[in-house]
């Protein structure tokens, strides 16, 4: 079972069936907040939907085609971070994430991304990671900008969000760029 420590209070852990109820409860309690930027919120209506998501996530991990990990903070599930896919031929992947509203503003997602990027480049030996965010989602965009990702461009009408399309900004980071940044004592202390 993959578990990535972040600090004394925080770690990432692959999702398991026993995480279904806490994950559903977090989603349900933040439904209005999450719905602004996440297209799947309305389809998560019961714990059984969350169990199905976890089963698919476990299959994705077993086939080495991505992963979904819970962000655990002080014993509580605070959010999710994952790799949408892994393109082994081109040595690249893409990170997606969300954090429950009560856990915002503590640097948890920045720390979770640092741990995941470290895993991507140092354990999986990939070369490129992308993060795509809706143009107007300033909180999500702040993460790759804070972590030194390059903004590559805009994908027009990239995602259907309930009743309208949203454009995405594409950010990328290469392994060699991360290795240069890893010398930063702040990032080292988080990893």
N, C-alpha and C. Protein backbone atom coordinates (compact mmCIF):
# COMPACT_ATOMS: atom_id res chain seq x y z
N UNK A 1 0.85 -1.18 0.00
CA UNK A 1 0.00 0.00 0.00
C UNK A 1 0.89 1.24 0.00
N UNK A 2 0.70 2.09 -0.98
CA UNK A 2 1.50 3.30 -1.10
C UNK A 2 1.07 4.33 -0.06
N UNK A 3 2.04 4.82 0.67
CA UNK A 3 1.80 5.88 1.65
C UNK A 3 2.99 6.83 1.57
N UNK A 4 2.70 8.11 1.33
CA UNK A 4 3.75 9.12 1.20
C UNK A 4 3.64 10.10 2.36
N UNK A 5 4.61 10.12 3.27
CA UNK A 5 4.56 11.07 4.38
C UNK A 5 4.84 12.49 3.89
N UNK A 6 4.17 13.45 4.51
CA UNK A 6 4.39 14.86 4.17
C UNK A 6 5.01 15.58 5.37
N UNK A 7 4.34 15.51 6.51
CA UNK A 7 4.87 16.07 7.75
C UNK A 7 4.25 15.30 8.91
N UNK A 8 4.43 15.77 10.14
CA UNK A 8 3.92 15.04 11.30
C UNK A 8 2.40 14.87 11.30
N UNK A 9 1.69 15.79 10.67
CA UNK A 9 0.23 15.74 10.68
C UNK A 9 -0.38 15.22 9.37
N UNK A 10 0.42 15.12 8.31
CA UNK A 10 -0.14 14.94 6.98
C UNK A 10 0.57 13.83 6.21
N UNK A 11 -0.22 13.03 5.48
CA UNK A 11 0.35 12.03 4.59
C UNK A 11 -0.65 11.75 3.45
N UNK A 12 -0.13 11.14 2.40
CA UNK A 12 -0.95 10.68 1.29
C UNK A 12 -1.04 9.16 1.37
N UNK A 13 -2.22 8.61 1.10
CA UNK A 13 -2.40 7.17 1.12
C UNK A 13 -3.37 6.78 0.02
N UNK A 14 -3.03 5.71 -0.72
CA UNK A 14 -3.94 5.21 -1.74
C UNK A 14 -5.30 4.93 -1.12
N UNK A 15 -6.35 5.20 -1.87
CA UNK A 15 -7.71 4.98 -1.37
C UNK A 15 -8.03 3.49 -1.28
N UNK A 16 -8.73 3.12 -0.21
CA UNK A 16 -9.19 1.76 0.01
C UNK A 16 -10.69 1.80 0.33
N UNK A 17 -11.34 0.65 0.30
CA UNK A 17 -12.77 0.59 0.54
C UNK A 17 -13.18 1.25 1.86
N UNK A 18 -12.38 1.08 2.91
CA UNK A 18 -12.73 1.67 4.21
C UNK A 18 -12.70 3.20 4.19
N UNK A 19 -12.16 3.78 3.13
CA UNK A 19 -12.14 5.24 2.99
C UNK A 19 -13.40 5.78 2.33
N UNK A 20 -14.27 4.89 1.88
CA UNK A 20 -15.46 5.31 1.10
C UNK A 20 -16.36 6.23 1.91
N UNK A 21 -16.67 5.87 3.13
CA UNK A 21 -17.60 6.70 3.91
C UNK A 21 -17.00 8.07 4.23
N UNK A 22 -15.75 8.14 4.74
CA UNK A 22 -15.18 9.48 4.96
C UNK A 22 -15.08 10.31 3.69
N UNK A 23 -14.76 9.66 2.55
CA UNK A 23 -14.66 10.39 1.29
C UNK A 23 -16.03 10.89 0.84
N UNK A 24 -17.03 10.04 0.93
CA UNK A 24 -18.37 10.48 0.57
C UNK A 24 -18.83 11.62 1.48
N UNK A 25 -18.61 11.48 2.78
CA UNK A 25 -19.04 12.52 3.73
C UNK A 25 -18.35 13.86 3.44
N UNK A 26 -17.06 13.82 3.11
CA UNK A 26 -16.34 15.05 2.78
C UNK A 26 -16.92 15.66 1.50
N UNK A 27 -17.13 14.82 0.50
CA UNK A 27 -17.72 15.31 -0.76
C UNK A 27 -19.10 15.90 -0.52
N UNK A 28 -19.91 15.19 0.23
CA UNK A 28 -21.27 15.62 0.48
C UNK A 28 -21.31 16.93 1.27
N UNK A 29 -20.43 17.07 2.25
CA UNK A 29 -20.42 18.28 3.08
C UNK A 29 -19.91 19.51 2.32
N UNK A 30 -19.19 19.27 1.22
CA UNK A 30 -18.62 20.37 0.43
C UNK A 30 -19.21 20.44 -0.97
N UNK A 31 -20.34 19.80 -1.15
CA UNK A 31 -20.93 19.64 -2.48
C UNK A 31 -21.06 20.97 -3.25
N UNK A 32 -21.63 21.98 -2.63
CA UNK A 32 -21.83 23.26 -3.32
C UNK A 32 -20.48 23.88 -3.68
N UNK A 33 -19.55 23.84 -2.75
CA UNK A 33 -18.22 24.40 -2.96
C UNK A 33 -17.50 23.67 -4.10
N UNK A 34 -17.50 22.33 -4.08
CA UNK A 34 -16.79 21.54 -5.07
C UNK A 34 -17.42 21.63 -6.46
N UNK A 35 -18.73 21.79 -6.50
CA UNK A 35 -19.46 21.79 -7.77
C UNK A 35 -19.02 22.93 -8.69
N UNK A 36 -18.48 23.99 -8.12
CA UNK A 36 -18.08 25.12 -8.96
C UNK A 36 -17.05 24.71 -10.01
N UNK A 37 -16.15 23.76 -9.67
CA UNK A 37 -15.07 23.42 -10.59
C UNK A 37 -14.96 21.94 -10.93
N UNK A 38 -15.74 21.07 -10.28
CA UNK A 38 -15.60 19.64 -10.52
C UNK A 38 -16.87 19.06 -11.16
N UNK A 39 -16.75 18.45 -12.34
CA UNK A 39 -17.94 18.01 -13.07
C UNK A 39 -18.59 16.74 -12.55
N UNK A 40 -17.95 16.01 -11.66
CA UNK A 40 -18.45 14.71 -11.20
C UNK A 40 -19.28 14.78 -9.92
N UNK A 41 -19.38 15.94 -9.30
CA UNK A 41 -20.00 16.05 -7.98
C UNK A 41 -21.45 15.55 -7.97
N UNK A 42 -22.23 15.91 -8.96
CA UNK A 42 -23.64 15.51 -8.99
C UNK A 42 -23.82 14.00 -9.18
N UNK A 43 -22.84 13.33 -9.74
CA UNK A 43 -22.96 11.88 -9.95
C UNK A 43 -22.55 11.08 -8.71
N UNK A 44 -22.06 11.76 -7.69
CA UNK A 44 -21.70 11.10 -6.43
C UNK A 44 -22.84 11.33 -5.45
N UNK A 45 -23.82 10.41 -5.47
CA UNK A 45 -25.05 10.60 -4.70
C UNK A 45 -25.12 9.74 -3.46
N UNK A 46 -24.27 8.71 -3.37
CA UNK A 46 -24.32 7.77 -2.25
C UNK A 46 -22.94 7.17 -2.01
N UNK A 47 -22.77 6.55 -0.87
CA UNK A 47 -21.49 5.90 -0.55
C UNK A 47 -21.13 4.87 -1.61
N UNK A 48 -22.13 4.21 -2.19
CA UNK A 48 -21.88 3.21 -3.23
C UNK A 48 -21.19 3.82 -4.44
N UNK A 49 -21.51 5.06 -4.77
CA UNK A 49 -20.82 5.74 -5.88
C UNK A 49 -19.35 5.94 -5.54
N UNK A 50 -19.08 6.27 -4.29
CA UNK A 50 -17.70 6.46 -3.85
C UNK A 50 -16.95 5.13 -3.84
N UNK A 51 -17.63 4.06 -3.44
CA UNK A 51 -17.01 2.72 -3.48
C UNK A 51 -16.63 2.37 -4.92
N UNK A 52 -17.52 2.65 -5.86
CA UNK A 52 -17.22 2.39 -7.28
C UNK A 52 -16.00 3.17 -7.75
N UNK A 53 -15.91 4.45 -7.33
CA UNK A 53 -14.75 5.27 -7.67
C UNK A 53 -13.46 4.64 -7.10
N UNK A 54 -13.51 4.20 -5.86
CA UNK A 54 -12.32 3.60 -5.23
C UNK A 54 -11.93 2.31 -5.94
N UNK A 55 -12.90 1.49 -6.32
CA UNK A 55 -12.60 0.26 -7.06
C UNK A 55 -11.93 0.56 -8.38
N UNK A 56 -12.44 1.56 -9.11
CA UNK A 56 -11.80 1.96 -10.37
C UNK A 56 -10.40 2.49 -10.14
N UNK A 57 -10.23 3.24 -9.06
CA UNK A 57 -8.93 3.79 -8.72
C UNK A 57 -7.92 2.68 -8.43
N UNK A 58 -8.36 1.66 -7.71
CA UNK A 58 -7.47 0.53 -7.40
C UNK A 58 -7.07 -0.22 -8.66
N UNK A 59 -8.00 -0.36 -9.61
CA UNK A 59 -7.68 -1.01 -10.89
C UNK A 59 -6.68 -0.17 -11.68
N UNK A 60 -6.88 1.14 -11.66
CA UNK A 60 -5.97 2.05 -12.36
C UNK A 60 -4.55 1.90 -11.78
N UNK A 61 -4.45 1.85 -10.46
CA UNK A 61 -3.14 1.70 -9.81
C UNK A 61 -2.52 0.34 -10.13
N UNK A 62 -3.32 -0.73 -10.06
CA UNK A 62 -2.81 -2.08 -10.32
C UNK A 62 -2.30 -2.23 -11.75
N UNK A 63 -2.92 -1.50 -12.68
CA UNK A 63 -2.48 -1.57 -14.08
C UNK A 63 -1.39 -0.54 -14.40
N UNK A 64 -0.92 0.15 -13.36
CA UNK A 64 0.14 1.16 -13.50
C UNK A 64 -0.25 2.27 -14.47
N UNK A 65 -1.53 2.67 -14.36
CA UNK A 65 -2.04 3.71 -15.24
C UNK A 65 -2.61 4.89 -14.45
N UNK A 66 -2.01 5.19 -13.32
CA UNK A 66 -2.44 6.31 -12.51
C UNK A 66 -2.72 5.89 -11.09
N UNK A 67 -3.26 6.83 -10.30
CA UNK A 67 -3.55 6.55 -8.90
C UNK A 67 -4.39 7.67 -8.31
N UNK A 68 -5.05 7.37 -7.20
CA UNK A 68 -5.78 8.38 -6.43
C UNK A 68 -5.44 8.15 -4.97
N UNK A 69 -4.99 9.20 -4.31
CA UNK A 69 -4.60 9.11 -2.91
C UNK A 69 -5.39 10.11 -2.08
N UNK A 70 -5.75 9.67 -0.89
CA UNK A 70 -6.36 10.58 0.06
C UNK A 70 -5.29 11.45 0.69
N UNK A 71 -5.63 12.69 0.96
CA UNK A 71 -4.76 13.59 1.71
C UNK A 71 -5.29 13.55 3.15
N UNK A 72 -4.52 12.98 4.04
CA UNK A 72 -4.93 12.81 5.43
C UNK A 72 -4.23 13.84 6.29
N UNK A 73 -5.03 14.57 7.05
CA UNK A 73 -4.51 15.65 7.91
C UNK A 73 -5.09 15.47 9.31
N UNK A 74 -4.22 15.29 10.29
CA UNK A 74 -4.65 15.06 11.68
C UNK A 74 -5.72 13.98 11.76
N UNK A 75 -5.51 12.89 11.04
CA UNK A 75 -6.41 11.75 11.08
C UNK A 75 -7.69 11.89 10.29
N UNK A 76 -7.88 13.01 9.59
CA UNK A 76 -9.09 13.24 8.80
C UNK A 76 -8.75 13.28 7.32
N UNK A 77 -9.67 12.76 6.51
CA UNK A 77 -9.52 12.87 5.07
C UNK A 77 -9.84 14.30 4.67
N UNK A 78 -8.86 14.99 4.08
CA UNK A 78 -9.00 16.40 3.74
C UNK A 78 -9.26 16.63 2.26
N UNK A 79 -8.88 15.67 1.41
CA UNK A 79 -9.05 15.84 -0.02
C UNK A 79 -8.42 14.70 -0.78
N UNK A 80 -8.31 14.88 -2.08
CA UNK A 80 -7.78 13.85 -2.98
C UNK A 80 -6.75 14.47 -3.91
N UNK A 81 -5.70 13.71 -4.18
CA UNK A 81 -4.74 14.06 -5.21
C UNK A 81 -4.47 12.79 -6.01
N UNK A 82 -4.34 12.93 -7.31
CA UNK A 82 -4.12 11.73 -8.11
C UNK A 82 -3.42 12.01 -9.43
N UNK A 83 -3.02 10.92 -10.03
CA UNK A 83 -2.46 10.95 -11.38
C UNK A 83 -3.54 10.45 -12.31
N UNK A 84 -3.94 11.28 -13.26
CA UNK A 84 -5.03 10.91 -14.17
C UNK A 84 -4.67 9.69 -15.01
N UNK A 85 -3.44 9.59 -15.40
CA UNK A 85 -2.95 8.52 -16.27
C UNK A 85 -1.43 8.53 -16.15
N UNK A 86 -0.80 7.50 -16.67
CA UNK A 86 0.66 7.52 -16.83
C UNK A 86 0.97 7.07 -18.25
N UNK A 87 1.60 7.93 -19.00
CA UNK A 87 2.03 7.62 -20.37
C UNK A 87 3.49 7.17 -20.25
N UNK A 88 3.68 5.86 -20.12
CA UNK A 88 5.02 5.31 -19.90
C UNK A 88 5.91 5.51 -21.12
N UNK A 89 5.35 5.46 -22.32
CA UNK A 89 6.16 5.63 -23.54
C UNK A 89 6.81 6.99 -23.58
N UNK A 90 6.07 8.02 -23.19
CA UNK A 90 6.59 9.38 -23.22
C UNK A 90 7.00 9.90 -21.85
N UNK A 91 6.90 9.03 -20.84
CA UNK A 91 7.34 9.35 -19.48
C UNK A 91 6.68 10.62 -18.93
N UNK A 92 5.34 10.63 -19.00
CA UNK A 92 4.63 11.81 -18.52
C UNK A 92 3.32 11.42 -17.84
N UNK A 93 2.80 12.35 -17.05
CA UNK A 93 1.54 12.16 -16.35
C UNK A 93 0.89 13.52 -16.10
N UNK A 94 -0.25 13.49 -15.44
CA UNK A 94 -1.01 14.69 -15.14
C UNK A 94 -1.58 14.56 -13.72
N UNK A 95 -1.49 15.61 -12.94
CA UNK A 95 -1.99 15.62 -11.57
C UNK A 95 -3.35 16.33 -11.52
N UNK A 96 -4.26 15.75 -10.76
CA UNK A 96 -5.52 16.39 -10.44
C UNK A 96 -5.69 16.41 -8.93
N UNK A 97 -6.44 17.36 -8.41
CA UNK A 97 -6.59 17.46 -6.96
C UNK A 97 -7.81 18.26 -6.57
N UNK A 98 -8.26 18.02 -5.34
CA UNK A 98 -9.29 18.86 -4.71
C UNK A 98 -9.16 18.72 -3.20
N UNK A 99 -9.57 19.76 -2.53
CA UNK A 99 -9.46 19.83 -1.08
C UNK A 99 -10.79 20.27 -0.51
N UNK A 100 -11.22 19.62 0.57
CA UNK A 100 -12.44 20.03 1.23
C UNK A 100 -12.33 21.45 1.76
N UNK A 101 -13.42 22.16 1.72
CA UNK A 101 -13.42 23.57 2.10
C UNK A 101 -12.86 23.84 3.50
N UNK A 102 -13.16 23.02 4.52
CA UNK A 102 -12.62 23.31 5.85
C UNK A 102 -11.10 23.19 5.96
N UNK A 103 -10.48 22.58 4.97
CA UNK A 103 -9.03 22.33 5.01
C UNK A 103 -8.24 23.32 4.16
N UNK A 104 -8.91 24.27 3.57
CA UNK A 104 -8.25 25.27 2.72
C UNK A 104 -7.38 26.21 3.57
N UNK A 105 -6.39 26.79 2.94
CA UNK A 105 -5.59 27.84 3.57
C UNK A 105 -4.52 27.36 4.54
N UNK A 106 -4.21 26.08 4.52
CA UNK A 106 -3.18 25.53 5.43
C UNK A 106 -1.94 25.05 4.68
N UNK A 107 -1.94 25.24 3.37
CA UNK A 107 -0.80 24.78 2.56
C UNK A 107 -0.83 23.28 2.29
N UNK A 108 -1.93 22.62 2.59
CA UNK A 108 -2.00 21.16 2.43
C UNK A 108 -1.85 20.73 0.98
N UNK A 109 -2.50 21.44 0.06
CA UNK A 109 -2.43 21.01 -1.34
C UNK A 109 -1.06 21.27 -1.93
N UNK A 110 -0.43 22.36 -1.54
CA UNK A 110 0.94 22.60 -2.01
C UNK A 110 1.86 21.49 -1.53
N UNK A 111 1.74 21.13 -0.26
CA UNK A 111 2.56 20.05 0.30
C UNK A 111 2.25 18.71 -0.37
N UNK A 112 0.97 18.44 -0.60
CA UNK A 112 0.58 17.19 -1.26
C UNK A 112 1.15 17.12 -2.67
N UNK A 113 1.10 18.24 -3.39
CA UNK A 113 1.66 18.27 -4.75
C UNK A 113 3.17 18.06 -4.72
N UNK A 114 3.85 18.66 -3.76
CA UNK A 114 5.30 18.46 -3.66
C UNK A 114 5.61 16.99 -3.44
N UNK A 115 4.89 16.34 -2.54
CA UNK A 115 5.11 14.90 -2.29
C UNK A 115 4.82 14.08 -3.54
N UNK A 116 3.75 14.42 -4.25
CA UNK A 116 3.39 13.67 -5.46
C UNK A 116 4.42 13.91 -6.57
N UNK A 117 4.87 15.13 -6.73
CA UNK A 117 5.88 15.43 -7.75
C UNK A 117 7.18 14.69 -7.43
N UNK A 118 7.56 14.69 -6.18
CA UNK A 118 8.75 13.94 -5.75
C UNK A 118 8.58 12.46 -6.14
N UNK A 119 7.41 11.90 -5.88
CA UNK A 119 7.14 10.50 -6.24
C UNK A 119 7.20 10.30 -7.76
N UNK A 120 6.62 11.21 -8.51
CA UNK A 120 6.60 11.11 -9.97
C UNK A 120 8.01 11.08 -10.55
N UNK A 121 8.85 11.99 -10.09
CA UNK A 121 10.19 12.10 -10.68
C UNK A 121 11.21 11.15 -10.05
N UNK A 122 11.13 10.92 -8.76
CA UNK A 122 12.17 10.13 -8.08
C UNK A 122 11.83 8.65 -7.94
N UNK A 123 10.54 8.30 -7.86
CA UNK A 123 10.17 6.89 -7.72
C UNK A 123 9.70 6.30 -9.04
N UNK A 124 8.87 7.03 -9.77
CA UNK A 124 8.36 6.53 -11.05
C UNK A 124 9.29 6.84 -12.21
N UNK A 125 10.22 7.77 -12.02
CA UNK A 125 11.22 8.15 -13.03
C UNK A 125 10.58 8.67 -14.32
N UNK A 126 9.52 9.46 -14.15
CA UNK A 126 8.90 10.10 -15.29
C UNK A 126 9.64 11.41 -15.58
N UNK A 127 9.38 11.99 -16.74
CA UNK A 127 10.09 13.19 -17.15
C UNK A 127 9.23 14.46 -17.12
N UNK A 128 7.91 14.30 -17.23
CA UNK A 128 7.05 15.48 -17.36
C UNK A 128 5.77 15.26 -16.58
N UNK A 129 5.32 16.33 -15.93
CA UNK A 129 4.03 16.32 -15.25
C UNK A 129 3.28 17.59 -15.64
N UNK A 130 1.97 17.42 -15.87
CA UNK A 130 1.11 18.56 -16.20
C UNK A 130 0.07 18.75 -15.11
N UNK A 131 -0.37 19.97 -14.96
CA UNK A 131 -1.54 20.31 -14.17
C UNK A 131 -2.37 21.23 -15.06
N UNK A 132 -3.66 20.87 -15.21
CA UNK A 132 -4.58 21.70 -15.99
C UNK A 132 -5.64 22.25 -15.06
N UNK A 133 -5.87 23.54 -15.14
CA UNK A 133 -6.83 24.22 -14.26
C UNK A 133 -7.73 25.12 -15.09
N UNK A 134 -8.97 25.24 -14.65
CA UNK A 134 -9.87 26.20 -15.30
C UNK A 134 -9.28 27.60 -15.17
N UNK A 135 -9.39 28.38 -16.21
CA UNK A 135 -8.80 29.71 -16.25
C UNK A 135 -9.20 30.55 -15.05
N UNK A 136 -10.46 30.49 -14.64
CA UNK A 136 -10.94 31.33 -13.54
C UNK A 136 -10.78 30.69 -12.15
N UNK A 137 -10.23 29.48 -12.09
CA UNK A 137 -10.04 28.81 -10.80
C UNK A 137 -8.71 29.23 -10.20
N UNK A 138 -8.69 30.39 -9.59
CA UNK A 138 -7.45 30.99 -9.09
C UNK A 138 -6.79 30.16 -7.99
N UNK A 139 -7.56 29.49 -7.14
CA UNK A 139 -6.97 28.66 -6.08
C UNK A 139 -6.20 27.48 -6.67
N UNK A 140 -6.79 26.81 -7.65
CA UNK A 140 -6.09 25.69 -8.28
C UNK A 140 -4.88 26.15 -9.08
N UNK A 141 -5.01 27.26 -9.75
CA UNK A 141 -3.90 27.79 -10.55
C UNK A 141 -2.73 28.22 -9.68
N UNK A 142 -3.00 28.64 -8.46
CA UNK A 142 -1.93 29.11 -7.57
C UNK A 142 -0.92 28.00 -7.26
N UNK A 143 -1.38 26.75 -7.24
CA UNK A 143 -0.49 25.63 -6.89
C UNK A 143 0.64 25.47 -7.91
N UNK A 144 0.36 25.22 -9.20
CA UNK A 144 1.47 25.07 -10.14
C UNK A 144 2.31 26.34 -10.27
N UNK A 145 1.67 27.50 -10.14
CA UNK A 145 2.43 28.74 -10.23
C UNK A 145 3.40 28.86 -9.05
N UNK A 146 2.95 28.48 -7.87
CA UNK A 146 3.80 28.51 -6.67
C UNK A 146 4.96 27.52 -6.77
N UNK A 147 4.73 26.40 -7.46
CA UNK A 147 5.72 25.33 -7.52
C UNK A 147 6.64 25.41 -8.74
N UNK A 148 6.58 26.50 -9.47
CA UNK A 148 7.53 26.71 -10.56
C UNK A 148 7.19 26.03 -11.87
N UNK A 149 5.94 25.63 -12.06
CA UNK A 149 5.52 25.07 -13.33
C UNK A 149 5.53 26.17 -14.39
N UNK A 150 5.74 25.78 -15.63
CA UNK A 150 5.65 26.72 -16.76
C UNK A 150 4.22 26.71 -17.29
N UNK A 151 3.71 27.90 -17.55
CA UNK A 151 2.40 28.01 -18.17
C UNK A 151 2.58 27.87 -19.67
N UNK A 152 1.99 26.83 -20.25
CA UNK A 152 2.21 26.53 -21.66
C UNK A 152 1.16 27.12 -22.59
N UNK A 153 -0.05 27.31 -22.09
CA UNK A 153 -1.08 27.85 -22.96
C UNK A 153 -2.46 27.55 -22.45
N UNK A 154 -3.44 27.86 -23.28
CA UNK A 154 -4.85 27.70 -22.93
C UNK A 154 -5.50 26.72 -23.88
N UNK A 155 -6.26 25.79 -23.33
CA UNK A 155 -7.07 24.89 -24.13
C UNK A 155 -8.49 25.44 -24.07
N UNK A 156 -8.98 25.89 -25.20
CA UNK A 156 -10.31 26.50 -25.23
C UNK A 156 -11.40 25.46 -25.07
N UNK A 157 -12.40 25.82 -24.27
CA UNK A 157 -13.56 24.96 -24.03
C UNK A 157 -13.13 23.51 -23.76
N UNK A 158 -12.22 23.36 -22.82
CA UNK A 158 -11.63 22.06 -22.52
C UNK A 158 -12.53 21.15 -21.70
N UNK A 159 -13.46 21.73 -20.94
CA UNK A 159 -14.26 20.90 -20.04
C UNK A 159 -15.69 21.43 -19.96
N UNK A 160 -16.64 20.49 -19.98
CA UNK A 160 -18.05 20.82 -19.81
C UNK A 160 -18.36 20.77 -18.33
N UNK A 161 -18.78 21.89 -17.77
CA UNK A 161 -19.10 21.99 -16.36
C UNK A 161 -20.59 22.27 -16.21
N UNK A 162 -21.37 21.21 -16.21
CA UNK A 162 -22.82 21.24 -15.96
C UNK A 162 -23.62 21.95 -17.05
N UNK A 163 -23.37 23.24 -17.28
CA UNK A 163 -24.17 23.97 -18.26
C UNK A 163 -23.35 24.91 -19.13
N UNK A 164 -22.02 24.77 -19.04
CA UNK A 164 -21.15 25.64 -19.84
C UNK A 164 -19.76 25.01 -19.97
N UNK A 165 -19.02 25.47 -20.98
CA UNK A 165 -17.64 25.04 -21.15
C UNK A 165 -16.72 25.99 -20.39
N UNK A 166 -15.59 25.45 -19.92
CA UNK A 166 -14.55 26.29 -19.32
C UNK A 166 -13.23 26.03 -20.05
N UNK A 167 -12.45 27.08 -20.18
CA UNK A 167 -11.11 26.97 -20.76
C UNK A 167 -10.16 26.51 -19.66
N UNK A 168 -9.12 25.77 -20.06
CA UNK A 168 -8.09 25.31 -19.12
C UNK A 168 -6.74 25.95 -19.46
N UNK A 169 -6.00 26.26 -18.42
CA UNK A 169 -4.59 26.63 -18.56
C UNK A 169 -3.78 25.35 -18.36
N UNK A 170 -2.79 25.12 -19.21
CA UNK A 170 -1.91 23.96 -19.09
C UNK A 170 -0.59 24.42 -18.48
N UNK A 171 -0.23 23.78 -17.39
CA UNK A 171 1.06 24.01 -16.73
C UNK A 171 1.87 22.73 -16.84
N UNK A 172 3.20 22.86 -16.94
CA UNK A 172 4.05 21.67 -16.98
C UNK A 172 5.32 21.90 -16.18
N UNK A 173 5.88 20.77 -15.76
CA UNK A 173 7.15 20.77 -15.04
C UNK A 173 7.93 19.56 -15.51
N UNK A 174 9.21 19.75 -15.79
CA UNK A 174 10.09 18.67 -16.23
C UNK A 174 10.96 18.21 -15.08
N UNK A 175 11.41 16.97 -15.15
CA UNK A 175 12.23 16.39 -14.08
C UNK A 175 13.48 17.23 -13.82
N UNK A 176 14.14 17.68 -14.86
CA UNK A 176 15.38 18.45 -14.67
C UNK A 176 15.09 19.79 -13.98
N UNK A 177 13.92 20.39 -14.26
CA UNK A 177 13.55 21.64 -13.61
C UNK A 177 13.28 21.41 -12.11
N UNK A 178 12.62 20.29 -11.81
CA UNK A 178 12.33 19.97 -10.41
C UNK A 178 13.61 19.71 -9.63
N UNK A 179 14.55 19.00 -10.26
CA UNK A 179 15.80 18.70 -9.57
C UNK A 179 16.54 19.98 -9.20
N UNK A 180 16.48 20.98 -10.06
CA UNK A 180 17.11 22.27 -9.76
C UNK A 180 16.38 22.94 -8.59
N UNK A 181 15.05 22.83 -8.55
CA UNK A 181 14.25 23.45 -7.50
C UNK A 181 14.36 22.71 -6.17
N UNK A 182 14.66 21.41 -6.19
CA UNK A 182 14.69 20.63 -4.96
C UNK A 182 15.74 21.11 -3.97
N UNK A 183 16.67 21.91 -4.44
CA UNK A 183 17.69 22.44 -3.54
C UNK A 183 17.12 23.48 -2.59
N UNK A 184 15.91 23.94 -2.84
CA UNK A 184 15.22 24.91 -2.00
C UNK A 184 14.94 24.28 -0.63
N UNK A 185 15.45 24.85 0.46
CA UNK A 185 15.26 24.26 1.79
C UNK A 185 13.79 24.14 2.19
N UNK A 186 12.96 25.06 1.75
CA UNK A 186 11.52 24.99 2.06
C UNK A 186 10.92 23.71 1.50
N UNK A 187 11.18 23.45 0.24
CA UNK A 187 10.63 22.26 -0.39
C UNK A 187 11.24 21.00 0.21
N UNK A 188 12.52 21.03 0.54
CA UNK A 188 13.15 19.86 1.17
C UNK A 188 12.50 19.54 2.50
N UNK A 189 12.14 20.56 3.26
CA UNK A 189 11.55 20.30 4.58
C UNK A 189 10.16 19.70 4.46
N UNK A 190 9.46 19.99 3.38
CA UNK A 190 8.13 19.42 3.19
C UNK A 190 8.23 17.96 2.77
N UNK A 191 9.17 17.67 1.88
CA UNK A 191 9.34 16.30 1.40
C UNK A 191 9.94 15.50 2.53
